[in-house]
């Protein structure tokens, strides 16, 4: 059994950077199965995800192995992998691949994961960016699985009802996730959060902007494309200092020149007076 595991690990490590990039689009992940992966590989693939030494590896191929593993598990719809995948969400601060790919990974596995994801999203002690990832994940689930839309809207709306105690950024991303679901039925809660100044305007914009995004199908709303583009530009500007960069893992094995490190809780060097994580340190906002 050990020999089989290490043979699989070597195979995923050999896939390396090139295959990781060429199959970055979720609709290409099915091509992994052409290499013979099936249900008999599920437990070993989960073991790869669960191995901390791989996530912290300085070797390019080895560091990419978990990424290949979760894509294959997604295509195999391996519900057995859900607990391990949930346990990896906290790594989003050092691994951009998680924020970019987990919404598709969980959606491909299916709605069986929704209960565990909801629990994670509701646990305030979990990291801010990790929870934001789950909001996007819930929205993705509701979009890809229409029979789950109502449940997904209910979860996100209930989380937003606590807007008075939530961080304003958390509220902003909850509103954004609800807009992705076109959850007009939740707009009164959204409006209340905005009117009480509990929503960070840097995420989706002001209340008027939110009205456009939620009522995207309404005939009396003109220039919706302009507002869509404005939203996208706003999110790009918010994340441009730390965008999704698959090279973050890949370059771990290359020589690195030491530079002053800015902690997420340090003051932002731009002079805004905000913490770095609330200013130019925001990541994973494009979806």
Protein backbone atom coordinates (compact mmCIF):
# COMPACT_ATOMS: atom_id res chain seq x y z
CA UNK A 1 0.00 0.00 0.00
CA UNK A 2 2.85 2.40 0.82
CA UNK A 3 4.49 1.69 -2.51
CA UNK A 4 1.25 2.51 -4.33
CA UNK A 5 0.87 5.79 -2.44
CA UNK A 6 4.38 6.98 -3.26
CA UNK A 7 3.95 5.89 -6.86
CA UNK A 8 0.83 8.07 -7.08
CA UNK A 9 2.60 10.97 -5.38
CA UNK A 10 5.48 10.71 -7.84
CA UNK A 11 3.00 10.71 -10.73
CA UNK A 12 1.30 13.90 -9.51
CA UNK A 13 4.64 15.55 -8.78
CA UNK A 14 5.74 14.72 -12.33
CA UNK A 15 2.64 16.50 -13.68
CA UNK A 16 4.24 19.61 -12.21
CA UNK A 17 3.83 23.22 -13.25
CA UNK A 18 3.05 22.81 -16.95
CA UNK A 19 0.04 20.55 -16.43
CA UNK A 20 -1.17 22.70 -13.53
CA UNK A 21 -1.26 25.73 -15.82
CA UNK A 22 -2.63 23.98 -18.91
CA UNK A 23 -5.56 22.58 -16.93
CA UNK A 24 -6.29 25.64 -14.84
CA UNK A 25 -9.81 25.89 -16.32
CA UNK A 26 -12.22 23.62 -14.39
CA UNK A 27 -13.82 22.39 -17.60
CA UNK A 28 -10.49 20.74 -18.50
CA UNK A 29 -10.08 18.80 -15.25
CA UNK A 30 -11.85 15.77 -16.69
CA UNK A 31 -8.73 15.19 -18.78
CA UNK A 32 -6.99 13.89 -15.64
CA UNK A 33 -9.22 10.83 -15.76
CA UNK A 34 -7.69 9.92 -19.11
CA UNK A 35 -4.59 8.96 -17.11
CA UNK A 36 -6.53 6.14 -15.46
CA UNK A 37 -7.57 7.73 -12.17
CA UNK A 38 -10.68 6.15 -10.65
CA UNK A 39 -12.36 5.47 -7.32
CA UNK A 40 -9.56 3.12 -6.29
CA UNK A 41 -7.26 6.17 -6.02
CA UNK A 42 -9.54 8.27 -3.78
CA UNK A 43 -8.05 7.38 -0.39
CA UNK A 44 -4.48 7.94 -1.55
CA UNK A 45 -5.47 11.25 -3.15
CA UNK A 46 -7.03 12.33 0.15
CA UNK A 47 -3.86 11.29 1.94
CA UNK A 48 -1.89 13.57 -0.38
CA UNK A 49 -4.16 16.49 0.53
CA UNK A 50 -3.75 15.69 4.20
CA UNK A 51 0.06 15.67 4.14
CA UNK A 52 1.34 18.96 5.57
CA UNK A 53 4.85 18.34 4.23
CA UNK A 54 3.56 18.53 0.66
CA UNK A 55 1.85 21.90 1.19
CA UNK A 56 5.07 23.24 2.69
CA UNK A 57 7.42 21.65 0.18
CA UNK A 58 10.15 23.72 -1.44
CA UNK A 59 10.13 21.45 -4.50
CA UNK A 60 7.97 22.61 -7.38
CA UNK A 61 6.48 19.29 -8.43
CA UNK A 62 5.79 18.13 -4.90
CA UNK A 63 4.13 21.44 -3.99
CA UNK A 64 1.82 21.11 -6.99
CA UNK A 65 0.76 17.54 -6.14
CA UNK A 66 -2.14 18.57 -3.81
CA UNK A 67 -3.55 20.84 -6.53
CA UNK A 68 -3.64 17.97 -9.01
CA UNK A 69 -5.09 15.75 -6.29
CA UNK A 70 -8.07 17.98 -5.46
CA UNK A 71 -8.89 18.44 -9.15
CA UNK A 72 -8.98 14.68 -9.65
CA UNK A 73 -11.09 14.22 -6.50
CA UNK A 74 -13.48 16.86 -7.83
CA UNK A 75 -13.88 15.01 -11.12
CA UNK A 76 -14.42 11.74 -9.24
CA UNK A 77 -17.09 13.48 -7.12
CA UNK A 78 -15.35 12.07 -4.06
CA UNK A 79 -17.59 13.03 -1.14
CA UNK A 80 -15.12 11.21 1.13
CA UNK A 81 -12.69 14.10 0.53
CA UNK A 82 -15.01 16.79 1.92
CA UNK A 83 -13.66 16.82 5.53
CA UNK A 84 -10.06 17.04 4.32
CA UNK A 85 -10.89 19.77 1.82
CA UNK A 86 -12.66 21.73 4.55
CA UNK A 87 -9.55 21.42 6.71
CA UNK A 88 -7.47 23.04 3.95
CA UNK A 89 -9.53 26.23 3.59
CA UNK A 90 -7.52 27.99 6.30
CA UNK A 91 -4.45 27.74 4.07
CA UNK A 92 -5.92 30.32 1.71
CA UNK A 93 -3.68 33.03 3.22
CA UNK A 94 -0.58 31.34 1.79
CA UNK A 95 -2.10 29.45 -1.13
CA UNK A 96 -4.02 31.43 -3.76
CA UNK A 97 -4.94 28.24 -5.59
CA UNK A 98 -7.43 27.42 -2.81
CA UNK A 99 -9.34 30.68 -3.18
CA UNK A 100 -9.39 30.37 -6.95
CA UNK A 101 -10.28 26.68 -7.31
CA UNK A 102 -12.19 25.51 -4.22
CA UNK A 103 -15.57 26.92 -5.32
CA UNK A 104 -15.33 24.72 -8.42
CA UNK A 105 -13.88 21.77 -6.51
CA UNK A 106 -16.76 21.69 -4.03
CA UNK A 107 -19.36 22.39 -6.69
CA UNK A 108 -18.12 19.48 -8.79
CA UNK A 109 -18.21 17.13 -5.79
CA UNK A 110 -21.78 18.26 -5.24
CA UNK A 111 -24.25 19.53 -2.62
CA UNK A 112 -23.21 16.89 -0.09
CA UNK A 113 -20.59 19.38 1.09
CA UNK A 114 -23.01 22.23 1.74
CA UNK A 115 -23.68 21.42 5.39
CA UNK A 116 -19.96 21.33 6.26
CA UNK A 117 -19.29 24.51 4.29
CA UNK A 118 -22.15 26.30 6.02
CA UNK A 119 -20.74 25.35 9.43
CA UNK A 120 -17.34 26.75 8.43
CA UNK A 121 -18.89 29.96 7.12
CA UNK A 122 -20.83 30.48 10.34
CA UNK A 123 -17.80 30.00 12.60
CA UNK A 124 -16.53 33.51 13.25
CA UNK A 125 -13.21 32.32 14.67
CA UNK A 126 -12.21 31.06 11.22
CA UNK A 127 -10.03 33.45 9.25
CA UNK A 128 -11.62 36.32 7.34
CA UNK A 129 -10.34 35.30 3.91
CA UNK A 130 -11.18 31.65 4.56
CA UNK A 131 -14.77 32.57 5.39
CA UNK A 132 -14.99 34.81 2.34
CA UNK A 133 -13.92 31.82 0.25
CA UNK A 134 -16.84 29.83 1.67
CA UNK A 135 -19.28 32.63 0.75
CA UNK A 136 -18.10 32.38 -2.86
CA UNK A 137 -18.27 28.62 -2.63
CA UNK A 138 -21.89 28.70 -1.41
CA UNK A 139 -22.84 31.09 -4.21
CA UNK A 140 -21.14 28.83 -6.77
CA UNK A 141 -23.01 25.83 -5.39
CA UNK A 142 -26.32 27.63 -5.73
CA UNK A 143 -25.56 28.73 -9.29
CA UNK A 144 -24.38 25.30 -10.48
CA UNK A 145 -27.04 23.29 -8.62
CA UNK A 146 -30.35 25.16 -9.04
CA UNK A 147 -32.14 22.83 -6.64
CA UNK A 148 -29.82 24.16 -3.92
CA UNK A 149 -30.24 27.84 -4.76
CA UNK A 150 -32.91 28.54 -2.13
CA UNK A 151 -30.83 26.92 0.59
CA UNK A 152 -27.70 28.82 -0.46
CA UNK A 153 -29.58 32.13 -0.47
CA UNK A 154 -30.98 31.37 2.99
CA UNK A 155 -27.51 30.65 4.41
CA UNK A 156 -25.93 33.82 3.03
CA UNK A 157 -28.91 35.99 3.96
CA UNK A 158 -28.92 34.68 7.51
CA UNK A 159 -25.21 35.45 7.82
CA UNK A 160 -25.84 38.98 6.55
CA UNK A 161 -28.59 39.53 9.14
CA UNK A 162 -25.76 39.77 11.66
CA UNK A 163 -24.38 42.77 9.76
CA UNK A 164 -24.27 44.82 12.95
CA UNK A 165 -21.65 42.54 14.49
CA UNK A 166 -19.94 41.39 11.28
CA UNK A 167 -16.82 43.05 9.89
CA UNK A 168 -17.84 45.46 7.10
CA UNK A 169 -15.69 43.53 4.60
CA UNK A 170 -17.48 40.30 5.55
CA UNK A 171 -20.79 42.02 4.85
CA UNK A 172 -19.49 43.32 1.53
CA UNK A 173 -18.58 39.84 0.35
CA UNK A 174 -21.87 38.40 1.59
CA UNK A 175 -23.70 41.00 -0.48
CA UNK A 176 -21.49 40.15 -3.46
CA UNK A 177 -22.23 36.42 -3.09
CA UNK A 178 -25.96 37.09 -2.89
CA UNK A 179 -25.76 39.23 -6.02
CA UNK A 180 -24.08 36.34 -7.84
CA UNK A 181 -27.20 34.30 -6.99
CA UNK A 182 -29.48 37.12 -8.13
CA UNK A 183 -31.07 36.94 -4.68
CA UNK A 184 -33.52 39.81 -5.04
CA UNK A 185 -35.62 38.18 -2.32
CA UNK A 186 -32.84 39.08 0.14
CA UNK A 187 -32.50 42.69 -0.89
CA UNK A 188 -34.30 44.19 2.10
CA UNK A 189 -31.60 42.72 4.35
CA UNK A 190 -28.97 44.07 1.96
CA UNK A 191 -30.60 47.50 2.00
CA UNK A 192 -30.71 47.55 5.79
CA UNK A 193 -27.00 46.69 6.01
CA UNK A 194 -26.15 49.53 3.61
CA UNK A 195 -28.40 52.07 5.32
CA UNK A 196 -26.70 51.38 8.64
CA UNK A 197 -23.27 51.81 7.03
CA UNK A 198 -22.29 48.21 7.78
CA UNK A 199 -21.06 47.33 4.27
CA UNK A 200 -17.58 48.06 2.91
CA UNK A 201 -18.16 50.05 -0.28
CA UNK A 202 -14.89 48.82 -1.79
CA UNK A 203 -16.38 45.38 -2.53
CA UNK A 204 -19.56 45.93 -4.53
CA UNK A 205 -20.05 49.67 -4.38
CA UNK A 206 -22.79 51.68 -2.72
CA UNK A 207 -26.48 50.87 -2.37
CA UNK A 208 -27.29 52.17 -5.84
CA UNK A 209 -24.65 49.92 -7.35
CA UNK A 210 -26.05 46.97 -5.43
CA UNK A 211 -29.52 47.66 -6.79
CA UNK A 212 -28.18 47.32 -10.31
CA UNK A 213 -26.39 44.05 -9.61
CA UNK A 214 -29.37 42.46 -7.91
CA UNK A 215 -31.87 43.62 -10.52
CA UNK A 216 -29.74 42.67 -13.46
CA UNK A 217 -32.74 41.25 -15.33
CA UNK A 218 -35.05 44.20 -14.83
CA UNK A 219 -36.02 45.97 -18.05
CA UNK A 220 -36.10 49.42 -16.46
CA UNK A 221 -32.40 49.26 -15.60
CA UNK A 222 -30.22 50.67 -18.34
CA UNK A 223 -26.47 50.62 -18.77
CA UNK A 224 -26.11 47.45 -16.71
CA UNK A 225 -22.99 46.51 -18.67
CA UNK A 226 -21.38 49.74 -17.53
CA UNK A 227 -22.12 48.92 -13.92
CA UNK A 228 -20.87 45.38 -14.36
CA UNK A 229 -17.59 46.70 -15.73
CA UNK A 230 -17.35 49.23 -12.91
CA UNK A 231 -17.77 46.41 -10.40
CA UNK A 232 -15.08 44.34 -12.07
CA UNK A 233 -12.70 47.29 -12.19
CA UNK A 234 -13.33 47.98 -8.51
CA UNK A 235 -12.49 44.39 -7.57
CA UNK A 236 -9.41 44.44 -9.79
CA UNK A 237 -8.16 47.61 -8.13
CA UNK A 238 -8.84 46.12 -4.71
CA UNK A 239 -6.76 43.02 -5.39
CA UNK A 240 -4.07 44.22 -7.79
CA UNK A 241 -1.42 44.44 -5.06
CA UNK A 242 -1.88 40.75 -4.30
CA UNK A 243 -3.70 39.10 -7.22
CA UNK A 244 -4.24 35.40 -7.79
CA UNK A 245 -0.75 34.19 -8.65
CA UNK A 246 -0.28 30.46 -9.26
CA UNK A 247 3.45 31.19 -9.31
CA UNK A 248 3.37 31.78 -5.56
CA UNK A 249 3.79 28.04 -4.95
CA UNK A 250 5.82 27.38 -8.08
CA UNK A 251 8.45 29.97 -7.23
CA UNK A 252 9.01 28.60 -3.73
CA UNK A 253 11.78 26.42 -5.16
CA UNK A 254 13.56 29.35 -6.82
CA UNK A 255 16.06 31.72 -5.14
CA UNK A 256 14.24 34.38 -3.16
CA UNK A 257 15.68 37.77 -2.26
CA UNK A 258 14.73 38.74 1.25
CA UNK A 259 12.57 41.85 1.57
CA UNK A 260 10.73 43.53 4.42
CA UNK A 261 7.54 41.56 5.09
CA UNK A 262 4.30 43.38 5.81
CA UNK A 263 2.06 41.54 8.27
CA UNK A 264 -1.68 41.47 7.65
CA UNK A 265 -2.23 43.32 10.93
CA UNK A 266 0.47 45.95 10.28
CA UNK A 267 -0.43 49.44 9.09
CA UNK A 268 -0.60 49.62 5.30
CA UNK A 269 2.49 51.36 3.85
CA UNK A 270 0.27 53.41 1.52
CA UNK A 271 -0.46 55.73 4.44
CA UNK A 272 -4.21 55.13 4.64
CA UNK A 273 -4.03 54.41 8.36
CA UNK A 274 -5.79 51.08 7.85
CA UNK A 275 -4.42 47.64 8.59
CA UNK A 276 -2.70 46.09 5.57
CA UNK A 277 -5.28 43.26 5.37
CA UNK A 278 -8.09 45.84 5.13
CA UNK A 279 -6.35 47.99 2.51
CA UNK A 280 -3.81 46.79 -0.07
CA UNK A 281 -3.55 43.29 1.41
CA UNK A 282 -6.92 42.07 0.14
CA UNK A 283 -6.70 38.92 -2.04
CA UNK A 284 -9.00 36.50 -3.78
CA UNK A 285 -11.74 39.02 -4.60
CA UNK A 286 -12.18 38.30 -8.29
CA UNK A 287 -14.77 35.70 -9.08
